[in-house]
Amino acid sequence: MALPAAAAAAYQNAARIGLSPQVPDVAPGSGAPGSFSDFLSGAVKDSINSLKQGEQATKAQAMNNSNVVDVVNSMNAAELTLDTVVAVRDKVVSAYQAIMNMPI
């Protein structure tokens, strides 16, 4: 998927988040559609796919089967994905530490 198309799809998905008129009542961790665990697992799968696409583009370039521009775009997307995952991980760790340091 081209980088502009991926960005447009991400913006559309983000816009749809606020348009839902009702959020069904579900138990936490139930795995119901629309739950946070589904969102998180989907985001992780998308991240892994982006990294795999970067690896595949690099392999194709090594075998002279790919355009350099496509490889650079794929690697930039993979790098951006990795930076985002690391930033989210750092925020989660920071939030956990802040909670653990709260007085009871």
C-alpha atoms as a PDB file:
ATOM      1  CA  MET A   1       0.000   0.000   0.000  1.00  0.00           C
ATOM      2  CA  ALA A   2       1.410   3.380  -0.963  1.00  0.00           C
ATOM      3  CA  LEU A   3       2.235   5.790   1.811  1.00  0.00           C
ATOM      4  CA  PRO A   4      -0.350   8.464   0.825  1.00  0.00           C
ATOM      5  CA  ALA A   5      -3.054   5.810   0.542  1.00  0.00           C
ATOM      6  CA  ALA A   6      -2.100   4.419   3.957  1.00  0.00           C
ATOM      7  CA  ALA A   7      -2.270   7.898   5.469  1.00  0.00           C
ATOM      8  CA  ALA A   8      -5.682   8.516   3.924  1.00  0.00           C
ATOM      9  CA  ALA A   9      -6.953   5.190   5.252  1.00  0.00           C
ATOM     10  CA  ALA A  10      -5.636   6.018   8.717  1.00  0.00           C
ATOM     11  CA  TYR A  11      -7.391   9.399   8.687  1.00  0.00           C
ATOM     12  CA  GLN A  12     -10.641   7.762   7.594  1.00  0.00           C
ATOM     13  CA  ASN A  13     -10.410   5.183  10.368  1.00  0.00           C
ATOM     14  CA  ALA A  14      -9.681   7.903  12.919  1.00  0.00           C
ATOM     15  CA  ALA A  15     -12.650   9.933  11.687  1.00  0.00           C
ATOM     16  CA  ARG A  16     -14.958   6.926  12.019  1.00  0.00           C
ATOM     17  CA  ILE A  17     -14.043   6.455  15.681  1.00  0.00           C
ATOM     18  CA  GLY A  18     -16.032   9.513  16.764  1.00  0.00           C
ATOM     19  CA  LEU A  19     -19.004   8.816  14.494  1.00  0.00           C
ATOM     20  CA  SER A  20     -20.316   5.761  16.328  1.00  0.00           C
ATOM     21  CA  PRO A  21     -23.724   6.759  17.786  1.00  0.00           C
ATOM     22  CA  GLN A  22     -23.759   4.057  20.455  1.00  0.00           C
ATOM     23  CA  VAL A  23     -21.095   2.075  22.162  1.00  0.00           C
ATOM     24  CA  PRO A  24     -22.387  -1.329  23.264  1.00  0.00           C
ATOM     25  CA  ASP A  25     -21.955  -2.250  26.901  1.00  0.00           C
ATOM     26  CA  VAL A  26     -19.473  -5.101  27.052  1.00  0.00           C
ATOM     27  CA  ALA A  27     -17.477  -6.594  29.829  1.00  0.00           C
ATOM     28  CA  PRO A  28     -13.786  -5.643  29.815  1.00  0.00           C
ATOM     29  CA  GLY A  29     -11.619  -8.290  28.208  1.00  0.00           C
ATOM     30  CA  SER A  30     -14.591 -10.074  26.665  1.00  0.00           C
ATOM     31  CA  GLY A  31     -13.156  -9.708  23.173  1.00  0.00           C
ATOM     32  CA  ALA A  32     -16.419  -8.223  21.907  1.00  0.00           C
ATOM     33  CA  PRO A  33     -16.305  -6.354  18.596  1.00  0.00           C
ATOM     34  CA  GLY A  34     -15.220  -2.773  19.061  1.00  0.00           C
ATOM     35  CA  SER A  35     -13.399  -3.505  22.299  1.00  0.00           C
ATOM     36  CA  PHE A  36     -10.047  -2.025  23.185  1.00  0.00           C
ATOM     37  CA  SER A  37      -8.377  -5.426  22.943  1.00  0.00           C
ATOM     38  CA  ASP A  38      -9.588  -5.768  19.327  1.00  0.00           C
ATOM     39  CA  PHE A  39      -8.270  -2.312  18.531  1.00  0.00           C
ATOM     40  CA  LEU A  40      -4.927  -3.057  20.138  1.00  0.00           C
ATOM     41  CA  SER A  41      -4.496  -6.425  18.441  1.00  0.00           C
ATOM     42  CA  GLY A  42      -5.404  -4.856  15.096  1.00  0.00           C
ATOM     43  CA  ALA A  43      -2.851  -2.106  15.590  1.00  0.00           C
ATOM     44  CA  VAL A  44      -0.155  -4.646  16.455  1.00  0.00           C
ATOM     45  CA  LYS A  45      -0.989  -6.734  13.370  1.00  0.00           C
ATOM     46  CA  ASP A  46      -0.850  -3.634  11.160  1.00  0.00           C
ATOM     47  CA  SER A  47       2.529  -2.728  12.656  1.00  0.00           C
ATOM     48  CA  ILE A  48       3.908  -6.188  12.008  1.00  0.00           C
ATOM     49  CA  ASN A  49       2.610  -6.125   8.423  1.00  0.00           C
ATOM     50  CA  SER A  50       4.252  -2.754   7.809  1.00  0.00           C
ATOM     51  CA  LEU A  51       7.590  -4.042   9.081  1.00  0.00           C
ATOM     52  CA  LYS A  52       7.283  -7.196   6.953  1.00  0.00           C
ATOM     53  CA  GLN A  53       6.562  -5.119   3.852  1.00  0.00           C
ATOM     54  CA  GLY A  54       9.746  -3.144   4.484  1.00  0.00           C
ATOM     55  CA  GLU A  55      11.738  -6.369   4.797  1.00  0.00           C
ATOM     56  CA  GLN A  56      10.223  -7.797   1.614  1.00  0.00           C
ATOM     57  CA  ALA A  57      10.999  -4.611  -0.322  1.00  0.00           C
ATOM     58  CA  THR A  58      14.597  -4.730   0.895  1.00  0.00           C
ATOM     59  CA  LYS A  59      14.946  -8.366  -0.164  1.00  0.00           C
ATOM     60  CA  ALA A  60      13.462  -7.578  -3.574  1.00  0.00           C
ATOM     61  CA  GLN A  61      15.938  -4.722  -4.040  1.00  0.00           C
ATOM     62  CA  ALA A  62      18.837  -6.984  -3.074  1.00  0.00           C
ATOM     63  CA  MET A  63      17.776  -9.320  -5.882  1.00  0.00           C
ATOM     64  CA  ASN A  64      17.364  -6.356  -8.314  1.00  0.00           C
ATOM     65  CA  ASN A  65      13.611  -6.987  -8.551  1.00  0.00           C
ATOM     66  CA  SER A  66      12.405  -3.695  -7.137  1.00  0.00           C
ATOM     67  CA  ASN A  67      12.541   0.040  -7.641  1.00  0.00           C
ATOM     68  CA  VAL A  68      14.715   2.010  -5.210  1.00  0.00           C
ATOM     69  CA  VAL A  69      11.907   4.517  -4.589  1.00  0.00           C
ATOM     70  CA  ASP A  70       9.543   1.725  -3.505  1.00  0.00           C
ATOM     71  CA  VAL A  71      12.181   0.378  -1.143  1.00  0.00           C
ATOM     72  CA  VAL A  72      12.773   3.799   0.407  1.00  0.00           C
ATOM     73  CA  ASN A  73       9.020   4.359   0.853  1.00  0.00           C
ATOM     74  CA  SER A  74       8.561   0.926   2.427  1.00  0.00           C
ATOM     75  CA  MET A  75      11.500   1.433   4.762  1.00  0.00           C
ATOM     76  CA  ASN A  76      10.258   4.902   5.762  1.00  0.00           C
ATOM     77  CA  ALA A  77       6.834   3.445   6.561  1.00  0.00           C
ATOM     78  CA  ALA A  78       8.457   0.659   8.589  1.00  0.00           C
ATOM     79  CA  GLU A  79      10.649   3.151  10.456  1.00  0.00           C
ATOM     80  CA  LEU A  80       7.653   5.364  11.229  1.00  0.00           C
ATOM     81  CA  THR A  81       5.729   2.328  12.481  1.00  0.00           C
ATOM     82  CA  LEU A  82       8.607   1.256  14.702  1.00  0.00           C
ATOM     83  CA  ASP A  83       8.992   4.787  16.107  1.00  0.00           C
ATOM     84  CA  THR A  84       5.259   4.882  16.857  1.00  0.00           C
ATOM     85  CA  VAL A  85       5.325   1.496  18.599  1.00  0.00           C
ATOM     86  CA  VAL A  86       8.301   2.560  20.707  1.00  0.00           C
ATOM     87  CA  ALA A  87       6.611   5.860  21.631  1.00  0.00           C
ATOM     88  CA  VAL A  88       3.401   4.067  22.657  1.00  0.00           C
ATOM     89  CA  ARG A  89       5.405   1.544  24.680  1.00  0.00           C
ATOM     90  CA  ASP A  90       7.244   4.371  26.461  1.00  0.00           C
ATOM     91  CA  LYS A  91       3.948   6.092  27.309  1.00  0.00           C
ATOM     92  CA  VAL A  92       2.463   2.858  28.656  1.00  0.00           C
ATOM     93  CA  VAL A  93       5.530   2.239  30.831  1.00  0.00           C
ATOM     94  CA  SER A  94       5.440   5.850  32.039  1.00  0.00           C
ATOM     95  CA  ALA A  95       1.737   5.579  32.916  1.00  0.00           C
ATOM     96  CA  TYR A  96       2.345   2.301  34.743  1.00  0.00           C
ATOM     97  CA  GLN A  97       5.171   3.854  36.747  1.00  0.00           C
ATOM     98  CA  ALA A  98       3.019   6.883  37.608  1.00  0.00           C
ATOM     99  CA  ILE A  99       0.227   4.598  38.840  1.00  0.00           C
ATOM    100  CA  MET A 100       2.613   2.500  40.903  1.00  0.00           C
ATOM    101  CA  ASN A 101       4.053   5.648  42.523  1.00  0.00           C
ATOM    102  CA  MET A 102       0.637   6.928  43.622  1.00  0.00           C
ATOM    103  CA  PRO A 103       0.061   6.929  47.362  1.00  0.00           C
ATOM    104  CA  ILE A 104      -2.699   4.653  48.543  1.00  0.00           C
END
